[in-house]
């Protein structure tokens, strides 16, 4: 399973736990700086996009939302805590 994570400078335990859940490829993009907005891309074989809402600016979140919808990739918005991320992933059903 391949995912893209947008937001936060450092993922910490979130990255480790995503790998434990079965993620094989993880691309992380810091979404706080305006200069990173032009670097946002979603690879072809991405299974879903995770946006950490407390570490991303509004314009970046909007841009990611448009890109994901255009490519028909599931999108999850969550706070940057493993509990919140895990809850959103389970309730969305993107990882079975």
PDB file of N, CA and C in Angstrom:
ATOM      1  N   UNK A   1       0.844  -1.167   0.000  1.00  0.00           N
ATOM      2  CA  UNK A   1       0.000   0.000   0.000  1.00  0.00           C
ATOM      3  C   UNK A   1       0.893   1.234   0.000  1.00  0.00           C
ATOM      4  N   UNK A   2       0.545   2.190  -0.806  1.00  0.00           N
ATOM      5  CA  UNK A   2       1.328   3.415  -0.964  1.00  0.00           C
ATOM      6  C   UNK A   2       0.483   4.625  -0.557  1.00  0.00           C
ATOM      7  N   UNK A   3       1.062   5.492   0.277  1.00  0.00           N
ATOM      8  CA  UNK A   3       0.325   6.683   0.703  1.00  0.00           C
ATOM      9  C   UNK A   3       1.212   7.925   0.612  1.00  0.00           C
ATOM     10  N   UNK A   4       0.534   9.066   0.593  1.00  0.00           N
ATOM     11  CA  UNK A   4       1.204  10.356   0.660  1.00  0.00           C
ATOM     12  C   UNK A   4       0.689  11.050   1.910  1.00  0.00           C
ATOM     13  N   UNK A   5       1.611  11.556   2.727  1.00  0.00           N
ATOM     14  CA  UNK A   5       1.244  12.292   3.940  1.00  0.00           C
ATOM     15  C   UNK A   5       1.649  13.741   3.731  1.00  0.00           C
ATOM     16  N   UNK A   6       0.690  14.650   3.909  1.00  0.00           N
ATOM     17  CA  UNK A   6       0.919  16.077   3.754  1.00  0.00           C
ATOM     18  C   UNK A   6       0.805  16.726   5.120  1.00  0.00           C
ATOM     19  N   UNK A   7       1.830  17.501   5.509  1.00  0.00           N
ATOM     20  CA  UNK A   7       1.797  18.240   6.757  1.00  0.00           C
ATOM     21  C   UNK A   7       2.784  17.696   7.776  1.00  0.00           C
ATOM     22  N   UNK A   8       3.144  18.519   8.709  1.00  0.00           N
ATOM     23  CA  UNK A   8       4.069  18.219   9.810  1.00  0.00           C
ATOM     24  C   UNK A   8       5.509  18.180   9.333  1.00  0.00           C
ATOM     25  N   UNK A   9       6.403  18.581  10.206  1.00  0.00           N
ATOM     26  CA  UNK A   9       7.823  18.541   9.899  1.00  0.00           C
ATOM     27  C   UNK A   9       8.374  17.133  10.110  1.00  0.00           C
ATOM     28  N   UNK A  10       7.821  16.432  11.075  1.00  0.00           N
ATOM     29  CA  UNK A  10       8.318  15.122  11.471  1.00  0.00           C
ATOM     30  C   UNK A  10       7.119  14.251  11.822  1.00  0.00           C
ATOM     31  N   UNK A  11       7.063  13.047  11.297  1.00  0.00           N
ATOM     32  CA  UNK A  11       5.910  12.183  11.526  1.00  0.00           C
ATOM     33  C   UNK A  11       6.006  11.362  12.800  1.00  0.00           C
ATOM     34  N   UNK A  12       7.214  11.061  13.239  1.00  0.00           N
ATOM     35  CA  UNK A  12       7.396  10.315  14.476  1.00  0.00           C
ATOM     36  C   UNK A  12       6.725   8.962  14.455  1.00  0.00           C
ATOM     37  N   UNK A  13       5.956   8.666  15.484  1.00  0.00           N
ATOM     38  CA  UNK A  13       5.321   7.364  15.665  1.00  0.00           C
ATOM     39  C   UNK A  13       4.280   7.087  14.591  1.00  0.00           C
ATOM     40  N   UNK A  14       3.735   8.120  13.971  1.00  0.00           N
ATOM     41  CA  UNK A  14       2.732   7.932  12.928  1.00  0.00           C
ATOM     42  C   UNK A  14       3.320   7.136  11.769  1.00  0.00           C
ATOM     43  N   UNK A  15       4.525   7.491  11.343  1.00  0.00           N
ATOM     44  CA  UNK A  15       5.167   6.781  10.237  1.00  0.00           C
ATOM     45  C   UNK A  15       5.374   5.304  10.590  1.00  0.00           C
ATOM     46  N   UNK A  16       5.912   5.047  11.763  1.00  0.00           N
ATOM     47  CA  UNK A  16       6.170   3.674  12.205  1.00  0.00           C
ATOM     48  C   UNK A  16       4.880   2.858  12.228  1.00  0.00           C
ATOM     49  N   UNK A  17       3.825   3.437  12.777  1.00  0.00           N
ATOM     50  CA  UNK A  17       2.557   2.718  12.888  1.00  0.00           C
ATOM     51  C   UNK A  17       1.891   2.495  11.533  1.00  0.00           C
ATOM     52  N   UNK A  18       2.059   3.426  10.609  1.00  0.00           N
ATOM     53  CA  UNK A  18       1.519   3.221   9.259  1.00  0.00           C
ATOM     54  C   UNK A  18       2.202   2.031   8.593  1.00  0.00           C
ATOM     55  N   UNK A  19       3.504   1.917   8.761  1.00  0.00           N
ATOM     56  CA  UNK A  19       4.220   0.760   8.213  1.00  0.00           C
ATOM     57  C   UNK A  19       3.743  -0.539   8.871  1.00  0.00           C
ATOM     58  N   UNK A  20       3.468  -0.501  10.169  1.00  0.00           N
ATOM     59  CA  UNK A  20       2.962  -1.682  10.859  1.00  0.00           C
ATOM     60  C   UNK A  20       1.574  -2.090  10.357  1.00  0.00           C
ATOM     61  N   UNK A  21       0.801  -1.120   9.873  1.00  0.00           N
ATOM     62  CA  UNK A  21      -0.533  -1.404   9.335  1.00  0.00           C
ATOM     63  C   UNK A  21      -0.495  -1.963   7.916  1.00  0.00           C
ATOM     64  N   UNK A  22       0.678  -1.928   7.295  1.00  0.00           N
ATOM     65  CA  UNK A  22       0.775  -2.495   5.954  1.00  0.00           C
ATOM     66  C   UNK A  22       1.179  -1.531   4.862  1.00  0.00           C
ATOM     67  N   UNK A  23       1.499  -0.306   5.214  1.00  0.00           N
ATOM     68  CA  UNK A  23       1.978   0.648   4.221  1.00  0.00           C
ATOM     69  C   UNK A  23       3.367   0.212   3.778  1.00  0.00           C
ATOM     70  N   UNK A  24       3.598   0.184   2.460  1.00  0.00           N
ATOM     71  CA  UNK A  24       4.906  -0.209   1.938  1.00  0.00           C
ATOM     72  C   UNK A  24       5.684   0.982   1.403  1.00  0.00           C
ATOM     73  N   UNK A  25       4.973   1.993   0.916  1.00  0.00           N
ATOM     74  CA  UNK A  25       5.618   3.212   0.424  1.00  0.00           C
ATOM     75  C   UNK A  25       4.938   4.414   1.056  1.00  0.00           C
ATOM     76  N   UNK A  26       5.744   5.318   1.593  1.00  0.00           N
ATOM     77  CA  UNK A  26       5.215   6.517   2.221  1.00  0.00           C
ATOM     78  C   UNK A  26       5.997   7.716   1.700  1.00  0.00           C
ATOM     79  N   UNK A  27       5.279   8.674   1.141  1.00  0.00           N
ATOM     80  CA  UNK A  27       5.885   9.932   0.699  1.00  0.00           C
ATOM     81  C   UNK A  27       5.375  11.010   1.645  1.00  0.00           C
ATOM     82  N   UNK A  28       6.297  11.767   2.233  1.00  0.00           N
ATOM     83  CA  UNK A  28       5.932  12.814   3.185  1.00  0.00           C
ATOM     84  C   UNK A  28       6.275  14.178   2.602  1.00  0.00           C
ATOM     85  N   UNK A  29       5.311  15.093   2.632  1.00  0.00           N
ATOM     86  CA  UNK A  29       5.507  16.460   2.150  1.00  0.00           C
ATOM     87  C   UNK A  29       5.142  17.422   3.265  1.00  0.00           C
ATOM     88  N   UNK A  30       6.089  18.286   3.637  1.00  0.00           N
ATOM     89  CA  UNK A  30       5.828  19.335   4.625  1.00  0.00           C
ATOM     90  C   UNK A  30       4.904  20.347   3.954  1.00  0.00           C
ATOM     91  N   UNK A  31       3.728  20.548   4.484  1.00  0.00           N
ATOM     92  CA  UNK A  31       2.760  21.431   3.847  1.00  0.00           C
ATOM     93  C   UNK A  31       2.600  22.778   4.510  1.00  0.00           C
ATOM     94  N   UNK A  32       3.498  23.119   5.404  1.00  0.00           N
ATOM     95  CA  UNK A  32       3.329  24.380   6.122  1.00  0.00           C
ATOM     96  C   UNK A  32       3.872  25.569   5.363  1.00  0.00           C
ATOM     97  N   UNK A  33       4.911  25.367   4.585  1.00  0.00           N
ATOM     98  CA  UNK A  33       5.528  26.488   3.883  1.00  0.00           C
ATOM     99  C   UNK A  33       4.921  26.672   2.499  1.00  0.00           C
ATOM    100  N   UNK A  34       4.687  27.899   2.121  1.00  0.00           N
ATOM    101  CA  UNK A  34       4.108  28.214   0.819  1.00  0.00           C
ATOM    102  C   UNK A  34       4.997  27.682  -0.302  1.00  0.00           C
ATOM    103  N   UNK A  35       6.308  27.674  -0.098  1.00  0.00           N
ATOM    104  CA  UNK A  35       7.232  27.202  -1.133  1.00  0.00           C
ATOM    105  C   UNK A  35       7.034  25.728  -1.463  1.00  0.00           C
ATOM    106  N   UNK A  36       6.451  24.965  -0.560  1.00  0.00           N
ATOM    107  CA  UNK A  36       6.220  23.542  -0.806  1.00  0.00           C
ATOM    108  C   UNK A  36       4.947  23.266  -1.597  1.00  0.00           C
ATOM    109  N   UNK A  37       4.101  24.267  -1.772  1.00  0.00           N
ATOM    110  CA  UNK A  37       2.853  24.061  -2.496  1.00  0.00           C
ATOM    111  C   UNK A  37       3.100  23.605  -3.927  1.00  0.00           C
ATOM    112  N   UNK A  38       4.144  24.114  -4.558  1.00  0.00           N
ATOM    113  CA  UNK A  38       4.433  23.734  -5.930  1.00  0.00           C
ATOM    114  C   UNK A  38       5.044  22.345  -6.027  1.00  0.00           C
ATOM    115  N   UNK A  39       5.477  21.772  -4.916  1.00  0.00           N
ATOM    116  CA  UNK A  39       6.118  20.460  -4.906  1.00  0.00           C
ATOM    117  C   UNK A  39       5.125  19.329  -4.648  1.00  0.00           C
ATOM    118  N   UNK A  40       3.863  19.659  -4.453  1.00  0.00           N
ATOM    119  CA  UNK A  40       2.882  18.646  -4.121  1.00  0.00           C
ATOM    120  C   UNK A  40       2.501  17.869  -5.376  1.00  0.00           C
ATOM    121  N   UNK A  41       2.737  16.581  -5.308  1.00  0.00           N
ATOM    122  CA  UNK A  41       2.324  15.691  -6.386  1.00  0.00           C
ATOM    123  C   UNK A  41       1.922  14.363  -5.770  1.00  0.00           C
ATOM    124  N   UNK A  42       0.978  13.728  -6.393  1.00  0.00           N
ATOM    125  CA  UNK A  42       0.502  12.434  -5.918  1.00  0.00           C
ATOM    126  C   UNK A  42       0.901  11.395  -6.964  1.00  0.00           C
ATOM    127  N   UNK A  43       1.788  10.470  -6.608  1.00  0.00           N
ATOM    128  CA  UNK A  43       2.195   9.434  -7.560  1.00  0.00           C
ATOM    129  C   UNK A  43       1.000   8.614  -8.063  1.00  0.00           C
ATOM    130  N   UNK A  44       1.150   8.032  -9.233  1.00  0.00           N
ATOM    131  CA  UNK A  44       0.074   7.286  -9.885  1.00  0.00           C
ATOM    132  C   UNK A  44      -0.525   6.184  -9.015  1.00  0.00           C
ATOM    133  N   UNK A  45       0.297   5.401  -8.354  1.00  0.00           N
ATOM    134  CA  UNK A  45      -0.186   4.235  -7.622  1.00  0.00           C
ATOM    135  C   UNK A  45      -0.434   4.510  -6.139  1.00  0.00           C
ATOM    136  N   UNK A  46      -0.854   5.713  -5.806  1.00  0.00           N
ATOM    137  CA  UNK A  46      -1.138   6.082  -4.420  1.00  0.00           C
ATOM    138  C   UNK A  46      -2.503   5.541  -4.014  1.00  0.00           C
ATOM    139  N   UNK A  47      -2.561   4.857  -2.877  1.00  0.00           N
ATOM    140  CA  UNK A  47      -3.814   4.287  -2.400  1.00  0.00           C
ATOM    141  C   UNK A  47      -4.674   5.302  -1.653  1.00  0.00           C
ATOM    142  N   UNK A  48      -4.032   6.214  -0.896  1.00  0.00           N
ATOM    143  CA  UNK A  48      -4.773   7.307  -0.274  1.00  0.00           C
ATOM    144  C   UNK A  48      -3.808   8.398   0.175  1.00  0.00           C
ATOM    145  N   UNK A  49      -4.388   9.577   0.436  1.00  0.00           N
ATOM    146  CA  UNK A  49      -3.624  10.734   0.884  1.00  0.00           C
ATOM    147  C   UNK A  49      -4.088  11.075   2.289  1.00  0.00           C
ATOM    148  N   UNK A  50      -3.130  11.300   3.182  1.00  0.00           N
ATOM    149  CA  UNK A  50      -3.409  11.687   4.559  1.00  0.00           C
ATOM    150  C   UNK A  50      -2.926  13.116   4.757  1.00  0.00           C
ATOM    151  N   UNK A  51      -3.829  14.007   5.147  1.00  0.00           N
ATOM    152  CA  UNK A  51      -3.476  15.403   5.409  1.00  0.00           C
ATOM    153  C   UNK A  51      -3.564  15.640   6.907  1.00  0.00           C
ATOM    154  N   UNK A  52      -2.452  16.067   7.496  1.00  0.00           N
ATOM    155  CA  UNK A  52      -2.409  16.386   8.919  1.00  0.00           C
ATOM    156  C   UNK A  52      -2.800  17.849   9.077  1.00  0.00           C
ATOM    157  N   UNK A  53      -4.025  18.076   9.497  1.00  0.00           N
ATOM    158  CA  UNK A  53      -4.652  19.397   9.433  1.00  0.00           C
ATOM    159  C   UNK A  53      -4.025  20.441  10.340  1.00  0.00           C
ATOM    160  N   UNK A  54      -3.437  20.038  11.440  1.00  0.00           N
ATOM    161  CA  UNK A  54      -2.883  21.052  12.338  1.00  0.00           C
ATOM    162  C   UNK A  54      -1.487  21.497  11.920  1.00  0.00           C
ATOM    163  N   UNK A  55      -0.967  20.972  10.818  1.00  0.00           N
ATOM    164  CA  UNK A  55       0.363  21.368  10.335  1.00  0.00           C
ATOM    165  C   UNK A  55       0.369  21.673   8.843  1.00  0.00           C
ATOM    166  N   UNK A  56      -0.733  22.166   8.327  1.00  0.00           N
ATOM    167  CA  UNK A  56      -0.812  22.493   6.907  1.00  0.00           C
ATOM    168  C   UNK A  56      -1.644  23.766   6.758  1.00  0.00           C
ATOM    169  N   UNK A  57      -1.241  24.643   5.832  1.00  0.00           N
ATOM    170  CA  UNK A  57      -2.013  25.870   5.666  1.00  0.00           C
ATOM    171  C   UNK A  57      -3.243  25.602   4.786  1.00  0.00           C
ATOM    172  N   UNK A  58      -4.191  26.525   4.802  1.00  0.00           N
ATOM    173  CA  UNK A  58      -5.463  26.329   4.116  1.00  0.00           C
ATOM    174  C   UNK A  58      -5.311  26.177   2.606  1.00  0.00           C
ATOM    175  N   UNK A  59      -4.443  26.964   2.007  1.00  0.00           N
ATOM    176  CA  UNK A  59      -4.268  26.876   0.557  1.00  0.00           C
ATOM    177  C   UNK A  59      -3.697  25.523   0.144  1.00  0.00           C
ATOM    178  N   UNK A  60      -2.776  25.016   0.925  1.00  0.00           N
ATOM    179  CA  UNK A  60      -2.202  23.704   0.637  1.00  0.00           C
ATOM    180  C   UNK A  60      -3.263  22.620   0.767  1.00  0.00           C
ATOM    181  N   UNK A  61      -4.071  22.679   1.813  1.00  0.00           N
ATOM    182  CA  UNK A  61      -5.139  21.699   2.002  1.00  0.00           C
ATOM    183  C   UNK A  61      -6.119  21.734   0.831  1.00  0.00           C
ATOM    184  N   UNK A  62      -6.452  22.912   0.376  1.00  0.00           N
ATOM    185  CA  UNK A  62      -7.365  23.051  -0.760  1.00  0.00           C
ATOM    186  C   UNK A  62      -6.742  22.464  -2.027  1.00  0.00           C
ATOM    187  N   UNK A  63      -5.463  22.745  -2.249  1.00  0.00           N
ATOM    188  CA  UNK A  63      -4.776  22.250  -3.439  1.00  0.00           C
ATOM    189  C   UNK A  63      -4.710  20.722  -3.418  1.00  0.00           C
ATOM    190  N   UNK A  64      -4.379  20.143  -2.279  1.00  0.00           N
ATOM    191  CA  UNK A  64      -4.301  18.689  -2.154  1.00  0.00           C
ATOM    192  C   UNK A  64      -5.665  18.067  -2.410  1.00  0.00           C
ATOM    193  N   UNK A  65      -6.695  18.683  -1.891  1.00  0.00           N
ATOM    194  CA  UNK A  65      -8.057  18.192  -2.082  1.00  0.00           C
ATOM    195  C   UNK A  65      -8.421  18.158  -3.567  1.00  0.00           C
ATOM    196  N   UNK A  66      -8.078  19.201  -4.288  1.00  0.00           N
ATOM    197  CA  UNK A  66      -8.371  19.263  -5.728  1.00  0.00           C
ATOM    198  C   UNK A  66      -7.580  18.216  -6.504  1.00  0.00           C
ATOM    199  N   UNK A  67      -6.292  18.059  -6.167  1.00  0.00           N
ATOM    200  CA  UNK A  67      -5.450  17.071  -6.853  1.00  0.00           C
ATOM    201  C   UNK A  67      -5.980  15.663  -6.596  1.00  0.00           C
ATOM    202  N   UNK A  68      -6.308  15.355  -5.345  1.00  0.00           N
ATOM    203  CA  UNK A  68      -6.792  14.015  -4.996  1.00  0.00           C
ATOM    204  C   UNK A  68      -8.127  13.721  -5.679  1.00  0.00           C
ATOM    205  N   UNK A  69      -9.019  14.674  -5.699  1.00  0.00           N
ATOM    206  CA  UNK A  69     -10.310  14.466  -6.361  1.00  0.00           C
ATOM    207  C   UNK A  69     -10.133  14.252  -7.863  1.00  0.00           C
ATOM    208  N   UNK A  70      -9.223  15.022  -8.454  1.00  0.00           N
ATOM    209  CA  UNK A  70      -8.960  14.897  -9.879  1.00  0.00           C
ATOM    210  C   UNK A  70      -8.398  13.536 -10.262  1.00  0.00           C
ATOM    211  N   UNK A  71      -7.686  12.902  -9.340  1.00  0.00           N
ATOM    212  CA  UNK A  71      -7.087  11.584  -9.605  1.00  0.00           C
ATOM    213  C   UNK A  71      -7.889  10.456  -8.971  1.00  0.00           C
ATOM    214  N   UNK A  72      -9.006  10.797  -8.337  1.00  0.00           N
ATOM    215  CA  UNK A  72      -9.877   9.820  -7.690  1.00  0.00           C
ATOM    216  C   UNK A  72      -9.128   9.004  -6.632  1.00  0.00           C
ATOM    217  N   UNK A  73      -8.351   9.712  -5.806  1.00  0.00           N
ATOM    218  CA  UNK A  73      -7.597   9.090  -4.718  1.00  0.00           C
ATOM    219  C   UNK A  73      -8.294   9.451  -3.406  1.00  0.00           C
ATOM    220  N   UNK A  74      -8.580   8.462  -2.552  1.00  0.00           N
ATOM    221  CA  UNK A  74      -9.209   8.760  -1.263  1.00  0.00           C
ATOM    222  C   UNK A  74      -8.349   9.732  -0.442  1.00  0.00           C
ATOM    223  N   UNK A  75      -9.026  10.602   0.278  1.00  0.00           N
ATOM    224  CA  UNK A  75      -8.372  11.664   1.039  1.00  0.00           C
ATOM    225  C   UNK A  75      -8.854  11.606   2.479  1.00  0.00           C
ATOM    226  N   UNK A  76      -7.919  11.633   3.414  1.00  0.00           N
ATOM    227  CA  UNK A  76      -8.244  11.607   4.841  1.00  0.00           C
ATOM    228  C   UNK A  76      -7.631  12.843   5.497  1.00  0.00           C
ATOM    229  N   UNK A  77      -8.445  13.590   6.225  1.00  0.00           N
ATOM    230  CA  UNK A  77      -7.977  14.728   7.007  1.00  0.00           C
ATOM    231  C   UNK A  77      -7.982  14.319   8.472  1.00  0.00           C
ATOM    232  N   UNK A  78      -6.870  14.564   9.169  1.00  0.00           N
ATOM    233  CA  UNK A  78      -6.769  14.158  10.567  1.00  0.00           C
ATOM    234  C   UNK A  78      -5.835  15.092  11.322  1.00  0.00           C
ATOM    235  N   UNK A  79      -6.005  15.128  12.644  1.00  0.00           N
ATOM    236  CA  UNK A  79      -5.042  15.817  13.497  1.00  0.00           C
ATOM    237  C   UNK A  79      -3.781  14.974  13.559  1.00  0.00           C
ATOM    238  N   UNK A  80      -2.673  15.587  13.986  1.00  0.00           N
ATOM    239  CA  UNK A  80      -1.406  14.877  14.057  1.00  0.00           C
ATOM    240  C   UNK A  80      -1.249  14.167  15.408  1.00  0.00           C
ATOM    241  N   UNK A  81      -1.988  13.116  15.574  1.00  0.00           N
ATOM    242  CA  UNK A  81      -1.813  12.206  16.701  1.00  0.00           C
ATOM    243  C   UNK A  81      -2.156  10.820  16.183  1.00  0.00           C
ATOM    244  N   UNK A  82      -1.442   9.823  16.639  1.00  0.00           N
ATOM    245  CA  UNK A  82      -1.686   8.491  16.112  1.00  0.00           C
ATOM    246  C   UNK A  82      -3.115   8.040  16.371  1.00  0.00           C
ATOM    247  N   UNK A  83      -3.667   8.348  17.522  1.00  0.00           N
ATOM    248  CA  UNK A  83      -5.045   7.967  17.825  1.00  0.00           C
ATOM    249  C   UNK A  83      -6.030   8.535  16.817  1.00  0.00           C
ATOM    250  N   UNK A  84      -5.874   9.810  16.490  1.00  0.00           N
ATOM    251  CA  UNK A  84      -6.766  10.451  15.527  1.00  0.00           C
ATOM    252  C   UNK A  84      -6.566   9.874  14.126  1.00  0.00           C
ATOM    253  N   UNK A  85      -5.313   9.663  13.738  1.00  0.00           N
ATOM    254  CA  UNK A  85      -5.022   9.113  12.410  1.00  0.00           C
ATOM    255  C   UNK A  85      -5.607   7.709  12.280  1.00  0.00           C
ATOM    256  N   UNK A  86      -5.361   6.871  13.274  1.00  0.00           N
ATOM    257  CA  UNK A  86      -5.858   5.493  13.236  1.00  0.00           C
ATOM    258  C   UNK A  86      -7.381   5.451  13.156  1.00  0.00           C
ATOM    259  N   UNK A  87      -8.033   6.293  13.938  1.00  0.00           N
ATOM    260  CA  UNK A  87      -9.499   6.351  13.928  1.00  0.00           C
ATOM    261  C   UNK A  87     -10.028   6.732  12.543  1.00  0.00           C
ATOM    262  N   UNK A  88      -9.415   7.746  11.926  1.00  0.00           N
ATOM    263  CA  UNK A  88      -9.857   8.196  10.601  1.00  0.00           C
ATOM    264  C   UNK A  88      -9.630   7.124   9.540  1.00  0.00           C
ATOM    265  N   UNK A  89      -8.487   6.436   9.616  1.00  0.00           N
ATOM    266  CA  UNK A  89      -8.188   5.383   8.643  1.00  0.00           C
ATOM    267  C   UNK A  89      -9.188   4.238   8.774  1.00  0.00           C
ATOM    268  N   UNK A  90      -9.463   3.821   9.994  1.00  0.00           N
ATOM    269  CA  UNK A  90     -10.402   2.727  10.214  1.00  0.00           C
ATOM    270  C   UNK A  90     -11.807   3.109   9.771  1.00  0.00           C
ATOM    271  N   UNK A  91     -12.251   4.303  10.134  1.00  0.00           N
ATOM    272  CA  UNK A  91     -13.618   4.706   9.780  1.00  0.00           C
ATOM    273  C   UNK A  91     -13.788   4.949   8.282  1.00  0.00           C
ATOM    274  N   UNK A  92     -12.702   5.298   7.594  1.00  0.00           N
ATOM    275  CA  UNK A  92     -12.812   5.534   6.142  1.00  0.00           C
ATOM    276  C   UNK A  92     -12.814   4.240   5.347  1.00  0.00           C
ATOM    277  N   UNK A  93     -12.216   3.186   5.895  1.00  0.00           N
ATOM    278  CA  UNK A  93     -12.177   1.894   5.214  1.00  0.00           C
ATOM    279  C   UNK A  93     -11.132   1.797   4.111  1.00  0.00           C
ATOM    280  N   UNK A  94     -10.165   2.713   4.079  1.00  0.00           N
ATOM    281  CA  UNK A  94      -9.158   2.663   3.013  1.00  0.00           C
ATOM    282  C   UNK A  94      -8.156   1.533   3.213  1.00  0.00           C
ATOM    283  N   UNK A  95      -7.982   1.080   4.441  1.00  0.00           N
ATOM    284  CA  UNK A  95      -7.095  -0.055   4.725  1.00  0.00           C
ATOM    285  C   UNK A  95      -7.930  -1.176   5.308  1.00  0.00           C
ATOM    286  N   UNK A  96      -7.953  -2.272   4.630  1.00  0.00           N
ATOM    287  CA  UNK A  96      -8.764  -3.415   5.104  1.00  0.00           C
ATOM    288  C   UNK A  96      -7.913  -4.443   5.775  1.00  0.00           C
TER     289      UNK A  96
END
